[in-house]
Every structure is written in structure tokens, then in C-alpha cells.
Protein backbone atom coordinates (compact mmCIF):
# COMPACT_ATOMS: atom_id res chain seq x y z
CA MET A 1 -6.39 7.77 15.53
CA THR A 2 -5.70 10.49 18.04
CA SER A 3 -5.41 14.36 16.97
CA ASN A 4 -1.76 13.93 16.80
CA GLU A 5 -1.46 11.00 14.53
CA HIS A 6 -0.66 11.53 10.70
CA PRO A 7 -2.62 8.87 8.35
CA HIS A 8 0.86 8.80 5.98
CA THR A 9 3.34 7.63 9.15
CA PRO A 10 5.45 4.57 8.52
CA ALA A 11 2.99 0.79 8.70
CA TRP A 12 5.75 -1.52 8.50
CA PHE A 13 9.44 -1.30 7.04
CA ASP A 14 11.77 -3.50 5.03
CA ILE A 15 15.09 -4.68 5.08
CA SER A 16 16.50 -5.80 2.04
CA THR A 17 19.86 -7.38 2.01
CA PRO A 18 22.40 -10.23 -0.19
CA ASP A 19 22.73 -12.16 3.08
CA ALA A 20 19.30 -12.55 5.13
CA PRO A 21 20.57 -14.92 8.19
CA ARG A 22 22.83 -12.65 8.42
CA ALA A 23 20.97 -9.63 8.36
CA ARG A 24 18.33 -11.66 10.80
CA ARG A 25 21.20 -12.45 13.79
CA PHE A 26 22.88 -8.37 13.48
CA TYR A 27 19.35 -6.78 13.57
CA GLN A 28 17.93 -9.35 16.17
CA GLU A 29 21.01 -9.31 18.39
CA MET A 30 21.11 -5.15 17.99
CA PHE A 31 17.62 -4.18 18.98
CA GLY A 32 16.16 -7.77 20.69
CA TRP A 33 13.46 -8.05 18.03
CA PRO A 34 12.20 -11.62 17.97
CA VAL A 35 12.50 -13.06 14.35
CA ASN A 36 9.55 -15.55 12.80
CA VAL A 37 11.26 -17.32 9.70
CA ILE A 38 9.03 -17.87 6.92
CA ASP A 39 10.93 -19.04 4.37
CA GLU A 40 14.50 -19.51 3.40
CA THR A 41 13.90 -16.03 1.98
CA TYR A 42 11.99 -13.85 4.26
CA ALA A 43 11.44 -13.44 8.23
CA LEU A 44 8.79 -11.18 10.16
CA VAL A 45 10.45 -9.07 13.07
CA GLY A 46 8.05 -8.15 15.81
CA ASP A 47 7.93 -5.59 19.02
CA ASP A 48 7.66 -6.68 22.39
CA HIS A 49 4.94 -7.98 22.48
CA GLY A 50 5.15 -10.71 19.44
CA ARG A 51 3.53 -8.17 16.47
CA PRO A 52 4.67 -8.16 13.22
CA ALA A 53 6.34 -4.78 12.44
CA GLY A 54 8.35 -5.65 9.43
CA GLY A 55 10.51 -7.76 7.57
CA ILE A 56 13.55 -8.55 6.36
CA GLY A 57 14.20 -10.44 2.92
CA HIS A 58 16.80 -12.27 0.71
CA ALA A 59 17.64 -9.40 -2.39
CA GLY A 60 18.23 -11.51 -5.04
CA PRO A 61 19.16 -10.50 -8.92
CA GLY A 62 15.30 -9.50 -9.16
CA SER A 63 14.32 -7.85 -6.30
CA PRO A 64 12.58 -4.65 -6.25
CA TYR A 65 15.19 -2.67 -4.24
CA THR A 66 18.29 -3.64 -1.26
CA GLY A 67 18.10 -1.80 1.91
CA PHE A 68 15.85 -0.21 4.37
CA VAL A 69 12.36 0.67 3.04
CA ALA A 70 10.22 2.47 4.97
CA TYR A 71 6.21 1.71 3.74
CA PHE A 72 3.61 4.28 4.15
CA ARG A 73 -0.70 3.31 4.36
CA VAL A 74 -2.53 4.65 2.45
CA ASP A 75 -5.98 4.26 1.55
CA ASP A 76 -5.30 2.59 -2.50
CA VAL A 77 -1.86 1.11 -3.23
CA ASP A 78 -2.62 1.45 -7.15
CA ALA A 79 -3.97 5.03 -6.68
CA ALA A 80 -1.11 6.24 -4.69
CA LEU A 81 1.29 4.82 -7.18
CA ALA A 82 0.19 6.37 -10.05
CA SER A 83 -0.18 9.40 -7.96
CA ALA A 84 4.13 8.92 -7.26
CA GLU A 85 4.68 8.64 -10.58
CA LYS A 86 2.59 11.89 -12.03
CA LEU A 87 4.65 12.98 -9.17
CA GLY A 88 7.58 11.78 -10.81
CA GLY A 89 8.59 8.72 -9.00
CA THR A 90 9.38 5.79 -10.36
CA ARG A 91 7.33 2.24 -10.53
CA VAL A 92 10.10 -0.62 -9.08
CA MET A 93 7.53 -3.24 -7.34
CA GLU A 94 4.28 -3.37 -8.94
CA PRO A 95 1.13 -3.66 -6.50
CA THR A 96 1.08 -7.41 -4.89
CA ASP A 97 -1.17 -8.80 -2.23
CA THR A 98 0.17 -10.49 0.35
CA PRO A 99 -1.05 -10.98 4.20
CA THR A 100 -0.59 -8.32 5.42
CA GLY A 101 -2.56 -5.96 2.67
CA ARG A 102 -1.67 -4.81 -0.57
CA ILE A 103 1.83 -3.50 -0.74
CA ALA A 104 3.88 -1.88 -4.37
CA ALA A 105 7.23 0.50 -4.03
CA PHE A 106 8.16 3.55 -5.87
CA ALA A 107 11.61 5.41 -6.00
CA ASP A 108 11.35 9.28 -5.52
CA PRO A 109 13.07 11.70 -7.89
CA ASP A 110 16.22 11.03 -6.23
CA GLY A 111 15.85 7.82 -6.28
CA ASN A 112 14.89 6.70 -2.63
CA PRO A 113 13.01 3.55 -2.83
CA VAL A 114 9.24 4.11 -1.00
CA GLY A 115 6.42 1.54 -0.02
CA LEU A 116 3.13 1.66 0.12
CA LEU A 117 0.72 -0.50 2.13
CA SER A 118 -3.05 -1.17 2.22
CA SER A 119 -5.19 -2.87 4.43
């Protein structure tokens, strides 16, 4: 980390939508993102070097959020989620292990969804 980098900058993004194929086409055409479809519900989108930088997924009835969510890197997802709740946030997605790390999400006091990610 350089002296200009802050440890809690966005590390991942997720776009959750009721029509994932349409969203994948839109963002692929809009920004030229390479898209790697994992299954019918989720696709990874990457940078110019093919590294995944985020994902586009299907938001069904049980989805914790819809829309664009930035995920911030933290040392401990569970501890950060507990801290968010103490500060007035509301848990919207329980901590879950994924191939990219442990994730969770909360809504801030204004209802904005925020993601957490740890390695």
C-alpha cells in the first residue's frame, strides 16, 4: 500500500438486478467489460487484464439488495458488520464465504447498501 492509499477503499462492486442478462449486455456494451458468466444468476466482470473487478447478479425475491453496491475491504467481516450495527446500520446480508473472500452487507442509517469483504 502506498502512502496515498486508504485501507478501506472500494475493493469490489456488485450490480444486483431483476434482469441480469440485460444488465450484463448493457454494461458490456457501455464500458467494454469482459463478462465471465458463472451461472444463470451471476457473472464476473473484469478489467482490461481479465481480472474480475465486480459482478452482475440476479436479484430475486430473497435478494438482500437491488442496485449498485461497493464492497469495502476490512480485516474481519464479522467484526465490521457488528460495528456497523452499533453505529446504526442494519444487517442485510449475513457473512458468507465466497471464492473471492468473506462478504456481508448492511444498510447505512439512510438505507444505502454497503458491502464488506475480507480475504
